[in-house]
Amino acid sequence: MELVNPGIGLIFWMALAFGLLLFILGKFVWPPVMRALREREQSIELALHEAVKAREEMKKLVFSNEQLMRQAEEERDALIKDARRVRESLIEEARQRANDEANRIIDNARERIHFEKMEAITELKNQIAHLSIEIAEKVLQKELSQPDKQKEFVQKSIDEMNLN
């Protein structure tokens, strides 16, 4: 039962050992531990500050990326618009050239048709004249096959010549 009723000597030596332990701990252990805790606190604060900076920079980068994306989209839209305008102008130019070529071909065809028509009319007139001459020859041969009709025809021709 000595443990329940400690003696004065035991309390003295325990208090002395505890005080010595507190002195040693206070002199050699607590300052490095406290310094390590402060350093750890500062490193955590620095890390938090760096994280906040990194977050802000990420926001700036995201904003910058969004601006770059918008600029890239605007440039893309401008390029597409220019390409469409160029395409339309090329199509219009090709259409105009095709229309000009078609009109030239149509004009040439009309000209050829006109010349062929005139040639056909001329040939038809020649054929009609040739047929008329043949018919007139046959009619005259038939009409002039008798001598009195020949004399009458010659007299009539002479009278007509005198009148003109």
N, C-alpha and C. Protein backbone atom coordinates (compact mmCIF):
# COMPACT_ATOMS: atom_id res chain seq x y z
N MET A 1 0.77 -1.16 0.00
CA MET A 1 0.00 0.00 0.00
C MET A 1 0.84 1.27 0.00
N GLU A 2 1.89 1.09 -0.23
CA GLU A 2 2.78 2.23 -0.30
C GLU A 2 2.48 3.07 -1.52
N LEU A 3 1.92 2.49 -2.49
CA LEU A 3 1.61 3.25 -3.70
C LEU A 3 0.45 4.22 -3.45
N VAL A 4 -0.41 3.86 -2.60
CA VAL A 4 -1.55 4.70 -2.35
C VAL A 4 -1.12 5.86 -1.45
N ASN A 5 -0.20 5.64 -0.56
CA ASN A 5 0.29 6.69 0.32
C ASN A 5 1.76 6.91 0.02
N PRO A 6 2.05 7.73 -0.92
CA PRO A 6 3.45 7.91 -1.26
C PRO A 6 4.15 8.74 -0.17
N GLY A 7 5.42 8.52 -0.12
CA GLY A 7 6.19 9.23 0.88
C GLY A 7 6.67 10.55 0.32
N ILE A 8 7.12 11.44 1.24
CA ILE A 8 7.59 12.75 0.87
C ILE A 8 8.80 12.63 -0.03
N GLY A 9 9.68 11.74 0.22
CA GLY A 9 10.89 11.55 -0.58
C GLY A 9 10.53 11.16 -2.01
N LEU A 10 9.58 10.27 -2.07
CA LEU A 10 9.17 9.82 -3.41
C LEU A 10 8.57 10.99 -4.18
N ILE A 11 7.74 11.79 -3.51
CA ILE A 11 7.12 12.94 -4.17
C ILE A 11 8.21 13.92 -4.58
N PHE A 12 9.20 14.16 -3.71
CA PHE A 12 10.29 15.07 -4.03
C PHE A 12 11.04 14.60 -5.26
N TRP A 13 11.47 13.35 -5.26
CA TRP A 13 12.25 12.83 -6.38
C TRP A 13 11.39 12.79 -7.66
N MET A 14 10.16 12.53 -7.55
CA MET A 14 9.29 12.51 -8.73
C MET A 14 9.12 13.93 -9.26
N ALA A 15 8.94 14.89 -8.34
CA ALA A 15 8.80 16.27 -8.75
C ALA A 15 10.09 16.76 -9.36
N LEU A 16 11.24 16.38 -8.77
CA LEU A 16 12.54 16.77 -9.31
C LEU A 16 12.75 16.16 -10.69
N ALA A 17 12.42 14.90 -10.87
CA ALA A 17 12.57 14.22 -12.16
C ALA A 17 11.63 14.85 -13.20
N PHE A 18 10.42 15.16 -12.75
CA PHE A 18 9.46 15.79 -13.67
C PHE A 18 9.93 17.18 -14.06
N GLY A 19 10.42 17.94 -13.12
CA GLY A 19 10.94 19.28 -13.40
C GLY A 19 12.13 19.21 -14.33
N LEU A 20 13.08 18.25 -14.03
CA LEU A 20 14.23 18.06 -14.90
C LEU A 20 13.77 17.68 -16.32
N LEU A 21 12.82 16.81 -16.40
CA LEU A 21 12.27 16.40 -17.71
C LEU A 21 11.66 17.60 -18.42
N LEU A 22 10.90 18.44 -17.68
CA LEU A 22 10.32 19.63 -18.28
C LEU A 22 11.41 20.60 -18.73
N PHE A 23 12.45 20.76 -17.92
CA PHE A 23 13.56 21.63 -18.29
C PHE A 23 14.24 21.13 -19.57
N ILE A 24 14.56 19.84 -19.61
CA ILE A 24 15.22 19.26 -20.80
C ILE A 24 14.30 19.38 -22.01
N LEU A 25 13.06 19.05 -21.80
CA LEU A 25 12.11 19.16 -22.93
C LEU A 25 11.99 20.61 -23.36
N GLY A 26 11.88 21.55 -22.44
CA GLY A 26 11.73 22.96 -22.76
C GLY A 26 12.97 23.51 -23.42
N LYS A 27 14.15 23.06 -23.02
CA LYS A 27 15.39 23.58 -23.55
C LYS A 27 15.76 22.97 -24.90
N PHE A 28 15.58 21.66 -25.05
CA PHE A 28 16.09 20.98 -26.25
C PHE A 28 15.01 20.47 -27.19
N VAL A 29 13.87 20.12 -26.68
CA VAL A 29 12.86 19.47 -27.53
C VAL A 29 11.81 20.47 -28.03
N TRP A 30 11.26 21.30 -27.14
CA TRP A 30 10.17 22.17 -27.52
C TRP A 30 10.57 23.19 -28.59
N PRO A 31 11.72 23.84 -28.53
CA PRO A 31 12.03 24.81 -29.58
C PRO A 31 12.09 24.17 -30.98
N PRO A 32 12.78 23.04 -31.20
CA PRO A 32 12.74 22.46 -32.55
C PRO A 32 11.34 22.01 -32.95
N VAL A 33 10.59 21.47 -31.99
CA VAL A 33 9.22 21.03 -32.32
C VAL A 33 8.38 22.24 -32.70
N MET A 34 8.50 23.33 -31.90
CA MET A 34 7.73 24.53 -32.21
C MET A 34 8.18 25.14 -33.54
N ARG A 35 9.51 25.14 -33.77
CA ARG A 35 10.02 25.65 -35.04
C ARG A 35 9.50 24.80 -36.21
N ALA A 36 9.51 23.50 -36.04
CA ALA A 36 8.99 22.61 -37.08
C ALA A 36 7.51 22.85 -37.30
N LEU A 37 6.76 23.07 -36.21
CA LEU A 37 5.33 23.36 -36.35
C LEU A 37 5.12 24.69 -37.07
N ARG A 38 5.93 25.73 -36.71
CA ARG A 38 5.79 27.02 -37.40
C ARG A 38 6.15 26.88 -38.89
N GLU A 39 7.25 26.15 -39.13
CA GLU A 39 7.65 25.94 -40.53
C GLU A 39 6.56 25.20 -41.29
N ARG A 40 6.01 24.20 -40.63
CA ARG A 40 4.93 23.44 -41.27
C ARG A 40 3.74 24.35 -41.52
N GLU A 41 3.40 25.20 -40.54
CA GLU A 41 2.30 26.13 -40.69
C GLU A 41 2.57 27.10 -41.85
N GLN A 42 3.82 27.61 -41.88
CA GLN A 42 4.18 28.53 -42.96
C GLN A 42 4.16 27.83 -44.32
N SER A 43 4.65 26.59 -44.35
CA SER A 43 4.63 25.87 -45.64
C SER A 43 3.20 25.59 -46.08
N ILE A 44 2.33 25.28 -45.11
CA ILE A 44 0.91 25.06 -45.45
C ILE A 44 0.30 26.36 -45.95
N GLU A 45 0.60 27.50 -45.24
CA GLU A 45 0.09 28.79 -45.70
C GLU A 45 0.61 29.12 -47.09
N LEU A 46 1.93 28.88 -47.29
CA LEU A 46 2.52 29.13 -48.60
C LEU A 46 1.88 28.26 -49.67
N ALA A 47 1.67 26.99 -49.33
CA ALA A 47 1.04 26.07 -50.28
C ALA A 47 -0.38 26.53 -50.60
N LEU A 48 -1.12 26.98 -49.55
CA LEU A 48 -2.47 27.49 -49.79
C LEU A 48 -2.42 28.75 -50.65
N HIS A 49 -1.47 29.63 -50.33
CA HIS A 49 -1.33 30.85 -51.13
C HIS A 49 -0.97 30.51 -52.59
N GLU A 50 -0.05 29.56 -52.75
CA GLU A 50 0.32 29.13 -54.11
C GLU A 50 -0.87 28.47 -54.81
N ALA A 51 -1.67 27.74 -54.06
CA ALA A 51 -2.86 27.10 -54.65
C ALA A 51 -3.85 28.16 -55.11
N VAL A 52 -4.01 29.21 -54.27
CA VAL A 52 -4.91 30.30 -54.65
C VAL A 52 -4.37 30.99 -55.90
N LYS A 53 -3.04 31.24 -55.92
CA LYS A 53 -2.43 31.85 -57.11
C LYS A 53 -2.61 30.97 -58.34
N ALA A 54 -2.36 29.67 -58.13
CA ALA A 54 -2.51 28.73 -59.25
C ALA A 54 -3.96 28.72 -59.74
N ARG A 55 -4.91 28.78 -58.80
CA ARG A 55 -6.32 28.80 -59.19
C ARG A 55 -6.63 30.06 -59.99
N GLU A 56 -6.10 31.21 -59.51
CA GLU A 56 -6.33 32.47 -60.23
C GLU A 56 -5.68 32.41 -61.61
N GLU A 57 -4.47 31.87 -61.66
CA GLU A 57 -3.81 31.76 -62.96
C GLU A 57 -4.56 30.80 -63.88
N MET A 58 -5.10 29.73 -63.30
CA MET A 58 -5.91 28.80 -64.09
C MET A 58 -7.14 29.51 -64.63
N LYS A 59 -7.75 30.35 -63.77
CA LYS A 59 -8.90 31.13 -64.25
C LYS A 59 -8.49 32.04 -65.39
N LYS A 60 -7.32 32.70 -65.21
CA LYS A 60 -6.82 33.58 -66.27
C LYS A 60 -6.54 32.78 -67.53
N LEU A 61 -5.91 31.61 -67.36
CA LEU A 61 -5.62 30.77 -68.52
C LEU A 61 -6.89 30.29 -69.19
N VAL A 62 -7.87 29.91 -68.37
CA VAL A 62 -9.15 29.49 -68.94
C VAL A 62 -9.77 30.65 -69.70
N PHE A 63 -9.75 31.84 -69.09
CA PHE A 63 -10.28 33.01 -69.77
C PHE A 63 -9.50 33.28 -71.05
N SER A 64 -8.17 33.20 -70.94
CA SER A 64 -7.33 33.42 -72.11
C SER A 64 -7.61 32.37 -73.18
N ASN A 65 -7.75 31.12 -72.74
CA ASN A 65 -8.08 30.06 -73.70
C ASN A 65 -9.42 30.30 -74.35
N GLU A 66 -10.38 30.76 -73.56
CA GLU A 66 -11.70 31.07 -74.13
C GLU A 66 -11.59 32.19 -75.15
N GLN A 67 -10.79 33.21 -74.82
CA GLN A 67 -10.59 34.30 -75.78
C GLN A 67 -9.91 33.78 -77.04
N LEU A 68 -8.88 32.95 -76.86
CA LEU A 68 -8.20 32.38 -78.03
C LEU A 68 -9.16 31.53 -78.85
N MET A 69 -10.00 30.77 -78.16
CA MET A 69 -10.98 29.95 -78.88
C MET A 69 -11.95 30.84 -79.65
N ARG A 70 -12.40 31.93 -79.00
CA ARG A 70 -13.31 32.85 -79.69
C ARG A 70 -12.62 33.47 -80.91
N GLN A 71 -11.35 33.88 -80.71
CA GLN A 71 -10.61 34.46 -81.83
C GLN A 71 -10.44 33.43 -82.94
N ALA A 72 -10.09 32.21 -82.55
CA ALA A 72 -9.92 31.15 -83.56
C ALA A 72 -11.24 30.89 -84.28
N GLU A 73 -12.34 30.89 -83.54
CA GLU A 73 -13.65 30.69 -84.18
C GLU A 73 -13.97 31.84 -85.11
N GLU A 74 -13.67 33.07 -84.67
CA GLU A 74 -13.92 34.23 -85.53
C GLU A 74 -13.07 34.15 -86.79
N GLU A 75 -11.80 33.79 -86.63
CA GLU A 75 -10.93 33.66 -87.80
C GLU A 75 -11.42 32.55 -88.71
N ARG A 76 -11.85 31.42 -88.10
CA ARG A 76 -12.39 30.33 -88.89
C ARG A 76 -13.63 30.78 -89.65
N ASP A 77 -14.52 31.49 -88.95
CA ASP A 77 -15.74 31.99 -89.61
C ASP A 77 -15.39 32.95 -90.74
N ALA A 78 -14.39 33.81 -90.49
CA ALA A 78 -13.97 34.75 -91.53
C ALA A 78 -13.39 34.00 -92.72
N LEU A 79 -12.57 32.99 -92.45
CA LEU A 79 -11.99 32.20 -93.54
C LEU A 79 -13.08 31.46 -94.32
N ILE A 80 -14.04 30.91 -93.58
CA ILE A 80 -15.14 30.22 -94.26
C ILE A 80 -15.94 31.20 -95.09
N LYS A 81 -16.17 32.38 -94.53
CA LYS A 81 -16.93 33.41 -95.27
C LYS A 81 -16.17 33.81 -96.54
N ASP A 82 -14.85 34.02 -96.40
CA ASP A 82 -14.03 34.36 -97.57
C ASP A 82 -14.05 33.23 -98.59
N ALA A 83 -13.93 32.01 -98.11
CA ALA A 83 -13.94 30.86 -99.03
C ALA A 83 -15.28 30.77 -99.75
N ARG A 84 -16.37 31.02 -99.03
CA ARG A 84 -17.69 30.99 -99.67
C ARG A 84 -17.80 32.10 -100.71
N ARG A 85 -17.29 33.30 -100.34
CA ARG A 85 -17.35 34.42 -101.28
C ARG A 85 -16.53 34.11 -102.54
N VAL A 86 -15.35 33.54 -102.33
CA VAL A 86 -14.50 33.18 -103.48
C VAL A 86 -15.20 32.10 -104.31
N ARG A 87 -15.78 31.10 -103.63
CA ARG A 87 -16.48 30.04 -104.34
C ARG A 87 -17.63 30.62 -105.16
N GLU A 88 -18.42 31.51 -104.53
CA GLU A 88 -19.54 32.12 -105.24
C GLU A 88 -19.06 32.93 -106.45
N SER A 89 -17.98 33.67 -106.25
CA SER A 89 -17.47 34.47 -107.38
C SER A 89 -16.96 33.56 -108.48
N LEU A 90 -16.29 32.46 -108.11
CA LEU A 90 -15.82 31.53 -109.14
C LEU A 90 -16.99 30.88 -109.86
N ILE A 91 -18.00 30.50 -109.08
CA ILE A 91 -19.19 29.90 -109.71
C ILE A 91 -19.86 30.90 -110.63
N GLU A 92 -19.99 32.16 -110.17
CA GLU A 92 -20.63 33.18 -110.99
C GLU A 92 -19.81 33.45 -112.25
N GLU A 93 -18.49 33.49 -112.09
CA GLU A 93 -17.62 33.71 -113.24
C GLU A 93 -17.73 32.56 -114.23
N ALA A 94 -17.74 31.32 -113.71
CA ALA A 94 -17.89 30.16 -114.59
C ALA A 94 -19.25 30.18 -115.26
N ARG A 95 -20.29 30.56 -114.51
CA ARG A 95 -21.63 30.63 -115.08
C ARG A 95 -21.68 31.68 -116.19
N GLN A 96 -21.04 32.83 -115.94
CA GLN A 96 -21.00 33.90 -116.95
C GLN A 96 -20.27 33.44 -118.20
N ARG A 97 -19.10 32.77 -117.96
CA ARG A 97 -18.35 32.27 -119.13
C ARG A 97 -19.17 31.24 -119.90
N ALA A 98 -19.87 30.36 -119.17
CA ALA A 98 -20.69 29.35 -119.82
C ALA A 98 -21.82 30.01 -120.61
N ASN A 99 -22.45 31.04 -120.00
CA ASN A 99 -23.52 31.75 -120.71
C ASN A 99 -22.98 32.44 -121.96
N ASP A 100 -21.82 33.09 -121.83
CA ASP A 100 -21.21 33.74 -122.99
C ASP A 100 -20.90 32.72 -124.09
N GLU A 101 -20.34 31.59 -123.69
CA GLU A 101 -20.00 30.54 -124.66
C GLU A 101 -21.27 29.99 -125.30
N ALA A 102 -22.32 29.79 -124.48
CA ALA A 102 -23.59 29.29 -125.02
C ALA A 102 -24.19 30.31 -126.00
N ASN A 103 -24.14 31.59 -125.64
CA ASN A 103 -24.66 32.62 -126.54
C ASN A 103 -23.87 32.66 -127.84
N ARG A 104 -22.54 32.53 -127.73
CA ARG A 104 -21.71 32.52 -128.93
C ARG A 104 -22.05 31.32 -129.81
N ILE A 105 -22.23 30.14 -129.17
CA ILE A 105 -22.58 28.94 -129.94
C ILE A 105 -23.95 29.10 -130.58
N ILE A 106 -24.90 29.69 -129.83
CA ILE A 106 -26.24 29.90 -130.38
C ILE A 106 -26.18 30.88 -131.55
N ASP A 107 -25.42 31.96 -131.39
CA ASP A 107 -25.29 32.93 -132.49
C ASP A 107 -24.67 32.29 -133.72
N ASN A 108 -23.62 31.50 -133.51
CA ASN A 108 -23.00 30.79 -134.64
C ASN A 108 -23.98 29.84 -135.29
N ALA A 109 -24.77 29.13 -134.47
CA ALA A 109 -25.76 28.20 -135.02
C ALA A 109 -26.82 28.95 -135.81
N ARG A 110 -27.27 30.09 -135.26
CA ARG A 110 -28.26 30.89 -135.99
C ARG A 110 -27.70 31.37 -137.32
N GLU A 111 -26.43 31.82 -137.27
CA GLU A 111 -25.79 32.29 -138.50
C GLU A 111 -25.71 31.16 -139.53
N ARG A 112 -25.28 29.97 -139.07
CA ARG A 112 -25.18 28.82 -139.99
C ARG A 112 -26.55 28.46 -140.53
N ILE A 113 -27.55 28.47 -139.63
CA ILE A 113 -28.91 28.14 -140.07
C ILE A 113 -29.37 29.16 -141.11
N HIS A 114 -29.08 30.44 -140.87
CA HIS A 114 -29.47 31.48 -141.82
C HIS A 114 -28.80 31.24 -143.18
N PHE A 115 -27.47 30.97 -143.15
CA PHE A 115 -26.77 30.73 -144.41
C PHE A 115 -27.29 29.48 -145.10
N GLU A 116 -27.54 28.43 -144.32
CA GLU A 116 -28.06 27.20 -144.93
C GLU A 116 -29.46 27.43 -145.48
N LYS A 117 -30.26 28.25 -144.79
CA LYS A 117 -31.60 28.57 -145.26
C LYS A 117 -31.51 29.35 -146.58
N MET A 118 -30.60 30.34 -146.59
CA MET A 118 -30.45 31.12 -147.82
C MET A 118 -29.95 30.24 -148.96
N GLU A 119 -29.05 29.34 -148.63
CA GLU A 119 -28.53 28.43 -149.64
C GLU A 119 -29.65 27.52 -150.16
N ALA A 120 -30.49 27.04 -149.22
CA ALA A 120 -31.60 26.17 -149.61
C ALA A 120 -32.60 26.95 -150.47
N ILE A 121 -32.87 28.22 -150.07
CA ILE A 121 -33.81 29.04 -150.87
C ILE A 121 -33.24 29.29 -152.25
N THR A 122 -31.93 29.58 -152.30
CA THR A 122 -31.30 29.82 -153.60
C THR A 122 -31.37 28.58 -154.47
N GLU A 123 -31.08 27.44 -153.86
CA GLU A 123 -31.13 26.19 -154.63
C GLU A 123 -32.55 25.90 -155.07
N LEU A 124 -33.52 26.17 -154.17
CA LEU A 124 -34.92 25.96 -154.53
C LEU A 124 -35.33 26.87 -155.68
N LYS A 125 -34.89 28.13 -155.64
CA LYS A 125 -35.19 29.07 -156.74
C LYS A 125 -34.57 28.57 -158.05
N ASN A 126 -33.33 28.10 -157.93
CA ASN A 126 -32.66 27.57 -159.14
C ASN A 126 -33.42 26.38 -159.70
N GLN A 127 -33.87 25.51 -158.80
CA GLN A 127 -34.62 24.33 -159.26
C GLN A 127 -35.95 24.76 -159.87
N ILE A 128 -36.60 25.75 -159.20
CA ILE A 128 -37.88 26.24 -159.73
C ILE A 128 -37.65 26.88 -161.11
N ALA A 129 -36.59 27.66 -161.23
CA ALA A 129 -36.30 28.30 -162.51
C ALA A 129 -36.01 27.24 -163.57
N HIS A 130 -35.23 26.24 -163.20
CA HIS A 130 -34.91 25.16 -164.14
C HIS A 130 -36.17 24.42 -164.55
N LEU A 131 -37.04 24.10 -163.55
CA LEU A 131 -38.30 23.42 -163.86
C LEU A 131 -39.19 24.32 -164.71
N SER A 132 -39.21 25.62 -164.39
CA SER A 132 -40.05 26.55 -165.17
C SER A 132 -39.56 26.59 -166.62
N ILE A 133 -38.24 26.60 -166.78
CA ILE A 133 -37.69 26.61 -168.14
C ILE A 133 -38.06 25.32 -168.88
N GLU A 134 -37.95 24.20 -168.18
CA GLU A 134 -38.29 22.92 -168.81
C GLU A 134 -39.77 22.90 -169.18
N ILE A 135 -40.61 23.38 -168.24
CA ILE A 135 -42.05 23.40 -168.53
C ILE A 135 -42.34 24.34 -169.70
N ALA A 136 -41.68 25.52 -169.67
CA ALA A 136 -41.90 26.48 -170.75
C ALA A 136 -41.44 25.88 -172.08
N GLU A 137 -40.31 25.16 -172.04
CA GLU A 137 -39.83 24.51 -173.26
C GLU A 137 -40.86 23.53 -173.80
N LYS A 138 -41.37 22.71 -172.89
CA LYS A 138 -42.34 21.69 -173.30
C LYS A 138 -43.62 22.35 -173.83
N VAL A 139 -44.06 23.40 -173.09
CA VAL A 139 -45.28 24.08 -173.53
C VAL A 139 -45.05 24.72 -174.90
N LEU A 140 -43.88 25.35 -175.05
CA LEU A 140 -43.58 26.00 -176.33
C LEU A 140 -43.45 24.96 -177.44
N GLN A 141 -42.82 23.86 -177.09
CA GLN A 141 -42.69 22.83 -178.12
C GLN A 141 -44.07 22.34 -178.54
N LYS A 142 -44.92 22.14 -177.57
CA LYS A 142 -46.25 21.66 -177.89
C LYS A 142 -47.03 22.73 -178.65
N GLU A 143 -46.93 23.98 -178.19
CA GLU A 143 -47.67 25.07 -178.81
C GLU A 143 -47.11 25.39 -180.19
N LEU A 144 -45.82 25.30 -180.32
CA LEU A 144 -45.21 25.72 -181.58
C LEU A 144 -44.97 24.54 -182.53
N SER A 145 -45.56 23.46 -182.25
CA SER A 145 -45.38 22.30 -183.13
C SER A 145 -46.12 22.52 -184.47
N GLN A 146 -47.06 23.38 -184.53
CA GLN A 146 -47.76 23.66 -185.78
C GLN A 146 -47.25 24.98 -186.34
N PRO A 147 -47.10 25.06 -187.70
CA PRO A 147 -46.50 26.24 -188.31
C PRO A 147 -47.34 27.51 -188.11
N ASP A 148 -48.68 27.51 -188.14
CA ASP A 148 -49.43 28.73 -187.97
C ASP A 148 -49.30 29.26 -186.56
N LYS A 149 -49.17 28.38 -185.60
CA LYS A 149 -49.00 28.82 -184.23
C LYS A 149 -47.61 29.43 -184.07
N GLN A 150 -46.64 28.95 -184.81
CA GLN A 150 -45.29 29.50 -184.74
C GLN A 150 -45.30 30.94 -185.26
N LYS A 151 -45.98 31.16 -186.40
CA LYS A 151 -46.05 32.49 -186.97
C LYS A 151 -46.78 33.43 -186.01
N GLU A 152 -47.86 32.97 -185.43
CA GLU A 152 -48.64 33.79 -184.50
C GLU A 152 -47.79 34.16 -183.28
N PHE A 153 -47.02 33.23 -182.79
CA PHE A 153 -46.15 33.45 -181.62
C PHE A 153 -45.06 34.46 -181.94
N VAL A 154 -44.45 34.36 -183.11
CA VAL A 154 -43.39 35.28 -183.51
C VAL A 154 -43.98 36.68 -183.65
N GLN A 155 -45.16 36.79 -184.26
CA GLN A 155 -45.79 38.09 -184.44
C GLN A 155 -46.13 38.71 -183.09
N LYS A 156 -46.64 37.93 -182.19
CA LYS A 156 -47.01 38.41 -180.87
C LYS A 156 -45.75 38.87 -180.12
N SER A 157 -44.67 38.17 -180.21
CA SER A 157 -43.41 38.51 -179.55
C SER A 157 -42.89 39.82 -180.11
N ILE A 158 -43.00 40.01 -181.43
CA ILE A 158 -42.52 41.25 -182.06
C ILE A 158 -43.37 42.42 -181.60
N ASP A 159 -44.64 42.24 -181.50
CA ASP A 159 -45.53 43.30 -181.04
C ASP A 159 -45.21 43.70 -179.59
N GLU A 160 -44.95 42.74 -178.80
CA GLU A 160 -44.61 43.03 -177.39
C GLU A 160 -43.28 43.75 -177.28
N MET A 161 -42.36 43.44 -178.16
CA MET A 161 -41.06 44.10 -178.12
C MET A 161 -41.17 45.55 -178.55
N ASN A 162 -42.00 45.78 -179.47
CA ASN A 162 -42.18 47.16 -179.94
C ASN A 162 -42.83 48.00 -178.86
N LEU A 163 -43.66 47.41 -178.07
CA LEU A 163 -44.35 48.14 -177.03
C LEU A 163 -43.41 48.51 -175.88
N ASN A 164 -42.49 47.71 -175.63
CA ASN A 164 -41.57 47.95 -174.52
C ASN A 164 -40.51 48.90 -175.00
